[in-house]
Amino acid sequence: MTVNQVSVFIENRQGRLGEVLSVLKENDVNILSISLADTTEYGLLRLIVNKPEYAKEVLLSAGFSTMLTEVLIIKVPHVAGALQDILSEIAQANISIEYMYGLSVEANDASIVMKTNQLSDACQVLKNKNIGTMTEKEIESL
């Protein structure tokens, strides 16, 4: 139920994000979701891509500090309160959310990328409540 997110540490300077994106483009890696958080010194780029292991390999070869992180991609129905209901289930299981960001790949549902402090427990909560998640295979096919 988890997928690999590509995390890239980049210097906070003009053009550096473009360099990362160029490496991915040149290697036919499709970006499905992107999140960038920065400080005065560096940025943390988080990506959901169709080929995460390959993306890590080509980025490392190009000199970027890169790692894979397991995250959940949770399918959220387009219904008022749906996200709140899902987050309530996770909170009731005493699971902390470290971060999350949006992913839109399906017309019928929105999706969110989520990192928790207890991924396997979060997976079980979602499974028990019949809350859909995306798999690596689904991501690769996009």
N, C-alpha and C. Protein backbone atom coordinates (compact mmCIF):
# COMPACT_ATOMS: atom_id res chain seq x y z
N MET A 1 0.80 -1.21 0.00
CA MET A 1 0.00 0.00 0.00
C MET A 1 0.85 1.28 0.00
N THR A 2 2.14 1.16 0.24
CA THR A 2 2.98 2.36 0.20
C THR A 2 3.64 2.47 -1.17
N VAL A 3 4.09 3.66 -1.48
CA VAL A 3 4.84 3.91 -2.71
C VAL A 3 6.10 4.67 -2.35
N ASN A 4 7.04 4.69 -3.26
CA ASN A 4 8.29 5.42 -3.03
C ASN A 4 8.19 6.84 -3.56
N GLN A 5 8.53 7.78 -2.71
CA GLN A 5 8.64 9.18 -3.06
C GLN A 5 10.13 9.48 -3.27
N VAL A 6 10.45 10.29 -4.23
CA VAL A 6 11.82 10.73 -4.45
C VAL A 6 12.01 12.06 -3.72
N SER A 7 12.99 12.10 -2.84
CA SER A 7 13.31 13.34 -2.12
C SER A 7 14.68 13.81 -2.57
N VAL A 8 14.77 15.09 -2.92
CA VAL A 8 16.02 15.65 -3.42
C VAL A 8 16.35 16.90 -2.61
N PHE A 9 17.56 16.95 -2.07
CA PHE A 9 18.05 18.13 -1.37
C PHE A 9 18.77 19.00 -2.38
N ILE A 10 18.33 20.24 -2.52
CA ILE A 10 18.94 21.13 -3.51
C ILE A 10 19.29 22.47 -2.86
N GLU A 11 20.38 23.05 -3.35
CA GLU A 11 20.78 24.36 -2.87
C GLU A 11 19.70 25.37 -3.27
N ASN A 12 19.48 26.32 -2.38
CA ASN A 12 18.50 27.36 -2.65
C ASN A 12 19.15 28.46 -3.48
N ARG A 13 19.27 28.17 -4.77
CA ARG A 13 19.85 29.16 -5.69
C ARG A 13 19.14 29.05 -7.04
N GLN A 14 19.18 30.15 -7.75
CA GLN A 14 18.48 30.25 -9.02
C GLN A 14 18.91 29.15 -9.99
N GLY A 15 17.93 28.49 -10.59
CA GLY A 15 18.20 27.50 -11.63
C GLY A 15 18.38 26.08 -11.15
N ARG A 16 18.55 25.89 -9.86
CA ARG A 16 18.84 24.53 -9.36
C ARG A 16 17.64 23.59 -9.54
N LEU A 17 16.43 24.07 -9.29
CA LEU A 17 15.24 23.25 -9.51
C LEU A 17 15.14 22.85 -10.97
N GLY A 18 15.41 23.78 -11.86
CA GLY A 18 15.38 23.49 -13.29
C GLY A 18 16.37 22.41 -13.68
N GLU A 19 17.52 22.39 -13.02
CA GLU A 19 18.52 21.36 -13.30
C GLU A 19 18.00 19.97 -12.92
N VAL A 20 17.33 19.87 -11.77
CA VAL A 20 16.74 18.59 -11.37
C VAL A 20 15.70 18.16 -12.38
N LEU A 21 14.82 19.08 -12.75
CA LEU A 21 13.74 18.75 -13.68
C LEU A 21 14.29 18.36 -15.05
N SER A 22 15.39 18.99 -15.47
CA SER A 22 16.01 18.63 -16.75
C SER A 22 16.54 17.20 -16.74
N VAL A 23 17.16 16.80 -15.64
CA VAL A 23 17.67 15.42 -15.53
C VAL A 23 16.52 14.43 -15.67
N LEU A 24 15.41 14.73 -15.00
CA LEU A 24 14.26 13.83 -15.08
C LEU A 24 13.67 13.81 -16.49
N LYS A 25 13.55 14.96 -17.10
CA LYS A 25 13.02 15.04 -18.47
C LYS A 25 13.89 14.27 -19.44
N GLU A 26 15.20 14.49 -19.37
CA GLU A 26 16.13 13.81 -20.28
C GLU A 26 16.11 12.29 -20.12
N ASN A 27 15.65 11.82 -18.96
CA ASN A 27 15.62 10.38 -18.70
C ASN A 27 14.20 9.82 -18.71
N ASP A 28 13.27 10.58 -19.27
CA ASP A 28 11.89 10.15 -19.48
C ASP A 28 11.20 9.73 -18.17
N VAL A 29 11.44 10.51 -17.12
CA VAL A 29 10.77 10.27 -15.83
C VAL A 29 9.62 11.27 -15.74
N ASN A 30 8.41 10.76 -15.57
CA ASN A 30 7.21 11.58 -15.51
C ASN A 30 6.91 11.97 -14.07
N ILE A 31 6.77 13.26 -13.82
CA ILE A 31 6.44 13.78 -12.50
C ILE A 31 4.92 13.83 -12.36
N LEU A 32 4.40 13.17 -11.34
CA LEU A 32 2.96 13.14 -11.10
C LEU A 32 2.55 14.12 -10.00
N SER A 33 3.46 14.39 -9.07
CA SER A 33 3.20 15.35 -8.01
C SER A 33 4.53 15.92 -7.53
N ILE A 34 4.48 17.17 -7.09
CA ILE A 34 5.70 17.85 -6.66
C ILE A 34 5.40 18.74 -5.46
N SER A 35 6.34 18.75 -4.53
CA SER A 35 6.25 19.63 -3.36
C SER A 35 7.66 20.16 -3.11
N LEU A 36 7.75 21.45 -2.87
CA LEU A 36 9.05 22.07 -2.59
C LEU A 36 8.94 22.91 -1.32
N ALA A 37 9.77 22.59 -0.35
CA ALA A 37 9.86 23.37 0.88
C ALA A 37 11.28 23.93 0.94
N ASP A 38 11.39 25.18 1.34
CA ASP A 38 12.73 25.76 1.35
C ASP A 38 13.05 26.46 2.66
N THR A 39 14.35 26.61 2.86
CA THR A 39 14.90 27.43 3.92
C THR A 39 15.83 28.42 3.23
N THR A 40 16.55 29.22 3.97
CA THR A 40 17.47 30.15 3.33
C THR A 40 18.64 29.45 2.67
N GLU A 41 18.97 28.24 3.11
CA GLU A 41 20.15 27.53 2.63
C GLU A 41 19.85 26.48 1.56
N TYR A 42 18.76 25.75 1.70
CA TYR A 42 18.50 24.64 0.81
C TYR A 42 16.99 24.43 0.64
N GLY A 43 16.65 23.57 -0.31
CA GLY A 43 15.27 23.19 -0.52
C GLY A 43 15.13 21.68 -0.43
N LEU A 44 13.95 21.24 -0.05
CA LEU A 44 13.64 19.82 -0.05
C LEU A 44 12.54 19.60 -1.07
N LEU A 45 12.90 18.95 -2.13
CA LEU A 45 11.99 18.67 -3.23
C LEU A 45 11.47 17.25 -3.06
N ARG A 46 10.15 17.11 -3.03
CA ARG A 46 9.52 15.79 -2.92
C ARG A 46 8.73 15.55 -4.19
N LEU A 47 8.95 14.36 -4.76
CA LEU A 47 8.33 14.04 -6.04
C LEU A 47 7.69 12.65 -6.02
N ILE A 48 6.54 12.54 -6.63
CA ILE A 48 5.97 11.25 -6.97
C ILE A 48 6.17 11.13 -8.48
N VAL A 49 6.89 10.10 -8.88
CA VAL A 49 7.21 9.91 -10.30
C VAL A 49 6.86 8.49 -10.72
N ASN A 50 6.82 8.27 -12.03
CA ASN A 50 6.44 6.95 -12.54
C ASN A 50 7.54 5.90 -12.38
N LYS A 51 8.78 6.32 -12.21
CA LYS A 51 9.90 5.39 -12.06
C LYS A 51 10.81 5.87 -10.93
N PRO A 52 10.41 5.68 -9.67
CA PRO A 52 11.18 6.27 -8.56
C PRO A 52 12.60 5.74 -8.41
N GLU A 53 12.80 4.44 -8.55
CA GLU A 53 14.16 3.89 -8.37
C GLU A 53 15.09 4.42 -9.46
N TYR A 54 14.59 4.46 -10.69
CA TYR A 54 15.38 4.98 -11.81
C TYR A 54 15.65 6.47 -11.62
N ALA A 55 14.64 7.22 -11.16
CA ALA A 55 14.82 8.66 -10.93
C ALA A 55 15.92 8.89 -9.90
N LYS A 56 15.90 8.11 -8.84
CA LYS A 56 16.95 8.24 -7.82
C LYS A 56 18.32 7.99 -8.44
N GLU A 57 18.42 6.95 -9.23
CA GLU A 57 19.70 6.58 -9.85
C GLU A 57 20.24 7.69 -10.74
N VAL A 58 19.38 8.25 -11.61
CA VAL A 58 19.86 9.28 -12.54
C VAL A 58 20.16 10.59 -11.81
N LEU A 59 19.41 10.89 -10.77
CA LEU A 59 19.69 12.11 -10.01
C LEU A 59 20.99 11.99 -9.22
N LEU A 60 21.21 10.82 -8.61
CA LEU A 60 22.49 10.60 -7.92
C LEU A 60 23.65 10.71 -8.89
N SER A 61 23.50 10.13 -10.08
CA SER A 61 24.56 10.20 -11.09
C SER A 61 24.84 11.63 -11.53
N ALA A 62 23.81 12.48 -11.46
CA ALA A 62 23.97 13.88 -11.84
C ALA A 62 24.46 14.74 -10.67
N GLY A 63 24.72 14.13 -9.52
CA GLY A 63 25.29 14.85 -8.39
C GLY A 63 24.30 15.40 -7.38
N PHE A 64 23.05 14.97 -7.47
CA PHE A 64 22.06 15.46 -6.51
C PHE A 64 21.92 14.50 -5.34
N SER A 65 21.83 15.05 -4.14
CA SER A 65 21.59 14.26 -2.94
C SER A 65 20.13 13.82 -2.97
N THR A 66 19.92 12.51 -3.13
CA THR A 66 18.59 11.96 -3.39
C THR A 66 18.35 10.72 -2.56
N MET A 67 17.11 10.55 -2.11
CA MET A 67 16.74 9.33 -1.39
C MET A 67 15.29 8.98 -1.69
N LEU A 68 14.94 7.72 -1.43
CA LEU A 68 13.56 7.27 -1.57
C LEU A 68 12.95 7.19 -0.18
N THR A 69 11.69 7.60 -0.08
CA THR A 69 10.96 7.57 1.17
C THR A 69 9.61 6.91 0.92
N GLU A 70 9.25 5.98 1.79
CA GLU A 70 7.93 5.35 1.67
C GLU A 70 6.85 6.31 2.15
N VAL A 71 5.81 6.46 1.32
CA VAL A 71 4.66 7.30 1.66
C VAL A 71 3.39 6.56 1.25
N LEU A 72 2.28 7.07 1.68
CA LEU A 72 0.97 6.58 1.27
C LEU A 72 0.38 7.55 0.27
N ILE A 73 -0.35 7.04 -0.69
CA ILE A 73 -1.17 7.89 -1.55
C ILE A 73 -2.60 7.45 -1.31
N ILE A 74 -3.35 8.31 -0.70
CA ILE A 74 -4.70 8.00 -0.26
C ILE A 74 -5.71 8.61 -1.22
N LYS A 75 -6.64 7.80 -1.68
CA LYS A 75 -7.71 8.27 -2.56
C LYS A 75 -8.78 8.94 -1.71
N VAL A 76 -9.11 10.17 -2.08
CA VAL A 76 -10.07 10.97 -1.33
C VAL A 76 -11.25 11.30 -2.24
N PRO A 77 -12.44 10.81 -1.91
CA PRO A 77 -13.61 11.14 -2.74
C PRO A 77 -13.86 12.64 -2.78
N HIS A 78 -14.43 13.11 -3.89
CA HIS A 78 -14.80 14.53 -4.01
C HIS A 78 -16.12 14.77 -3.30
N VAL A 79 -16.06 14.71 -1.97
CA VAL A 79 -17.23 14.92 -1.12
C VAL A 79 -16.80 15.80 0.04
N ALA A 80 -17.59 16.77 0.37
CA ALA A 80 -17.26 17.65 1.49
C ALA A 80 -17.02 16.83 2.75
N GLY A 81 -15.91 17.07 3.41
CA GLY A 81 -15.59 16.40 4.66
C GLY A 81 -14.85 15.08 4.51
N ALA A 82 -14.64 14.60 3.28
CA ALA A 82 -13.99 13.29 3.08
C ALA A 82 -12.57 13.26 3.65
N LEU A 83 -11.81 14.30 3.41
CA LEU A 83 -10.44 14.34 3.94
C LEU A 83 -10.47 14.38 5.47
N GLN A 84 -11.34 15.17 6.03
CA GLN A 84 -11.47 15.24 7.49
C GLN A 84 -11.79 13.88 8.07
N ASP A 85 -12.69 13.14 7.43
CA ASP A 85 -13.06 11.81 7.93
C ASP A 85 -11.85 10.87 7.92
N ILE A 86 -11.07 10.91 6.86
CA ILE A 86 -9.89 10.06 6.77
C ILE A 86 -8.86 10.44 7.84
N LEU A 87 -8.62 11.73 7.98
CA LEU A 87 -7.64 12.19 8.97
C LEU A 87 -8.09 11.87 10.39
N SER A 88 -9.40 11.88 10.63
CA SER A 88 -9.92 11.51 11.95
C SER A 88 -9.62 10.05 12.27
N GLU A 89 -9.76 9.18 11.29
CA GLU A 89 -9.46 7.75 11.49
C GLU A 89 -7.98 7.56 11.85
N ILE A 90 -7.12 8.30 11.17
CA ILE A 90 -5.68 8.19 11.43
C ILE A 90 -5.35 8.74 12.82
N ALA A 91 -5.96 9.85 13.18
CA ALA A 91 -5.72 10.44 14.50
C ALA A 91 -6.20 9.53 15.62
N GLN A 92 -7.34 8.89 15.42
CA GLN A 92 -7.88 7.98 16.45
C GLN A 92 -6.96 6.79 16.70
N ALA A 93 -6.12 6.46 15.72
CA ALA A 93 -5.16 5.37 15.88
C ALA A 93 -3.83 5.88 16.45
N ASN A 94 -3.81 7.13 16.90
CA ASN A 94 -2.61 7.76 17.47
C ASN A 94 -1.43 7.78 16.50
N ILE A 95 -1.72 8.04 15.24
CA ILE A 95 -0.70 8.13 14.20
C ILE A 95 -0.51 9.61 13.86
N SER A 96 0.74 10.05 13.86
CA SER A 96 1.05 11.44 13.53
C SER A 96 1.36 11.59 12.05
N ILE A 97 0.85 12.63 11.46
CA ILE A 97 1.15 12.95 10.06
C ILE A 97 2.35 13.88 10.05
N GLU A 98 3.39 13.48 9.32
CA GLU A 98 4.61 14.30 9.25
C GLU A 98 4.47 15.38 8.17
N TYR A 99 3.87 15.03 7.05
CA TYR A 99 3.58 16.00 6.00
C TYR A 99 2.62 15.37 5.01
N MET A 100 2.02 16.21 4.17
CA MET A 100 1.18 15.72 3.09
C MET A 100 1.05 16.80 2.03
N TYR A 101 0.76 16.36 0.82
CA TYR A 101 0.54 17.28 -0.29
C TYR A 101 -0.35 16.60 -1.31
N GLY A 102 -0.91 17.39 -2.22
CA GLY A 102 -1.90 16.89 -3.15
C GLY A 102 -1.33 16.17 -4.36
N LEU A 103 -2.18 15.32 -4.93
CA LEU A 103 -1.87 14.58 -6.15
C LEU A 103 -3.18 14.39 -6.88
N SER A 104 -3.28 14.86 -8.12
CA SER A 104 -4.51 14.69 -8.89
C SER A 104 -4.21 13.89 -10.14
N VAL A 105 -4.67 12.64 -10.14
CA VAL A 105 -4.44 11.78 -11.30
C VAL A 105 -5.71 11.10 -11.79
N GLU A 106 -6.78 11.19 -11.03
CA GLU A 106 -8.02 10.54 -11.40
C GLU A 106 -9.15 11.56 -11.39
N ALA A 107 -10.08 11.43 -12.33
CA ALA A 107 -11.19 12.37 -12.43
C ALA A 107 -12.18 12.22 -11.28
N ASN A 108 -12.37 11.01 -10.78
CA ASN A 108 -13.39 10.77 -9.77
C ASN A 108 -12.94 11.05 -8.35
N ASP A 109 -11.67 10.96 -8.09
CA ASP A 109 -11.13 11.17 -6.75
C ASP A 109 -9.93 12.10 -6.80
N ALA A 110 -9.72 12.79 -5.71
CA ALA A 110 -8.45 13.48 -5.50
C ALA A 110 -7.59 12.50 -4.75
N SER A 111 -6.33 12.78 -4.62
CA SER A 111 -5.45 11.93 -3.83
C SER A 111 -4.51 12.83 -3.05
N ILE A 112 -4.04 12.32 -1.92
CA ILE A 112 -3.04 13.03 -1.15
C ILE A 112 -1.87 12.09 -0.89
N VAL A 113 -0.69 12.65 -0.92
CA VAL A 113 0.52 11.93 -0.55
C VAL A 113 0.72 12.22 0.93
N MET A 114 0.94 11.17 1.72
CA MET A 114 1.05 11.35 3.16
C MET A 114 2.21 10.54 3.74
N LYS A 115 2.96 11.15 4.60
CA LYS A 115 4.02 10.47 5.36
C LYS A 115 3.59 10.50 6.81
N THR A 116 3.61 9.33 7.45
CA THR A 116 3.25 9.25 8.86
C THR A 116 4.41 8.65 9.65
N ASN A 117 4.30 8.72 10.95
CA ASN A 117 5.33 8.13 11.80
C ASN A 117 5.16 6.63 11.95
N GLN A 118 4.05 6.08 11.49
CA GLN A 118 3.76 4.65 11.58
C GLN A 118 3.06 4.20 10.31
N LEU A 119 3.81 4.02 9.25
CA LEU A 119 3.20 3.71 7.95
C LEU A 119 2.41 2.41 7.96
N SER A 120 2.95 1.35 8.54
CA SER A 120 2.22 0.08 8.51
C SER A 120 0.92 0.17 9.30
N ASP A 121 0.92 0.87 10.41
CA ASP A 121 -0.31 1.05 11.18
C ASP A 121 -1.32 1.90 10.40
N ALA A 122 -0.83 2.93 9.74
CA ALA A 122 -1.72 3.77 8.93
C ALA A 122 -2.33 2.95 7.80
N CYS A 123 -1.53 2.11 7.17
CA CYS A 123 -2.05 1.23 6.10
C CYS A 123 -3.17 0.35 6.63
N GLN A 124 -3.00 -0.19 7.81
CA GLN A 124 -4.01 -1.07 8.39
C GLN A 124 -5.30 -0.30 8.71
N VAL A 125 -5.17 0.92 9.24
CA VAL A 125 -6.34 1.75 9.52
C VAL A 125 -7.11 2.00 8.23
N LEU A 126 -6.40 2.37 7.18
CA LEU A 126 -7.06 2.67 5.90
C LEU A 126 -7.72 1.42 5.33
N LYS A 127 -7.04 0.30 5.41
CA LYS A 127 -7.60 -0.95 4.92
C LYS A 127 -8.86 -1.32 5.69
N ASN A 128 -8.81 -1.21 7.01
CA ASN A 128 -9.96 -1.55 7.85
C ASN A 128 -11.17 -0.67 7.55
N LYS A 129 -10.94 0.56 7.12
CA LYS A 129 -12.03 1.50 6.83
C LYS A 129 -12.37 1.55 5.34
N ASN A 130 -11.78 0.63 4.56
CA ASN A 130 -12.02 0.57 3.10
C ASN A 130 -11.71 1.89 2.41
N ILE A 131 -10.63 2.53 2.84
CA ILE A 131 -10.16 3.76 2.21
C ILE A 131 -9.09 3.38 1.20
N GLY A 132 -9.31 3.73 -0.04
CA GLY A 132 -8.41 3.32 -1.12
C GLY A 132 -7.07 4.02 -1.09
N THR A 133 -6.04 3.29 -1.50
CA THR A 133 -4.71 3.86 -1.67
C THR A 133 -4.20 3.45 -3.05
N MET A 134 -3.17 4.12 -3.51
CA MET A 134 -2.57 3.78 -4.80
C MET A 134 -1.35 2.90 -4.57
N THR A 135 -1.06 2.07 -5.55
CA THR A 135 0.09 1.17 -5.48
C THR A 135 1.18 1.66 -6.41
N GLU A 136 2.38 1.12 -6.24
CA GLU A 136 3.49 1.43 -7.15
C GLU A 136 3.10 1.12 -8.59
N LYS A 137 2.43 0.01 -8.79
CA LYS A 137 2.03 -0.41 -10.14
C LYS A 137 1.09 0.62 -10.79
N GLU A 138 0.16 1.14 -10.01
CA GLU A 138 -0.74 2.18 -10.53
C GLU A 138 0.03 3.45 -10.89
N ILE A 139 0.99 3.83 -10.06
CA ILE A 139 1.79 5.03 -10.33
C ILE A 139 2.61 4.84 -11.60
N GLU A 140 3.22 3.68 -11.75
CA GLU A 140 4.04 3.40 -12.93
C GLU A 140 3.24 3.48 -14.22
N SER A 141 1.94 3.17 -14.15
CA SER A 141 1.12 3.14 -15.37
C SER A 141 0.63 4.52 -15.78
N LEU A 142 0.85 5.53 -14.96
CA LEU A 142 0.35 6.88 -15.28
C LEU A 142 1.30 7.63 -16.19
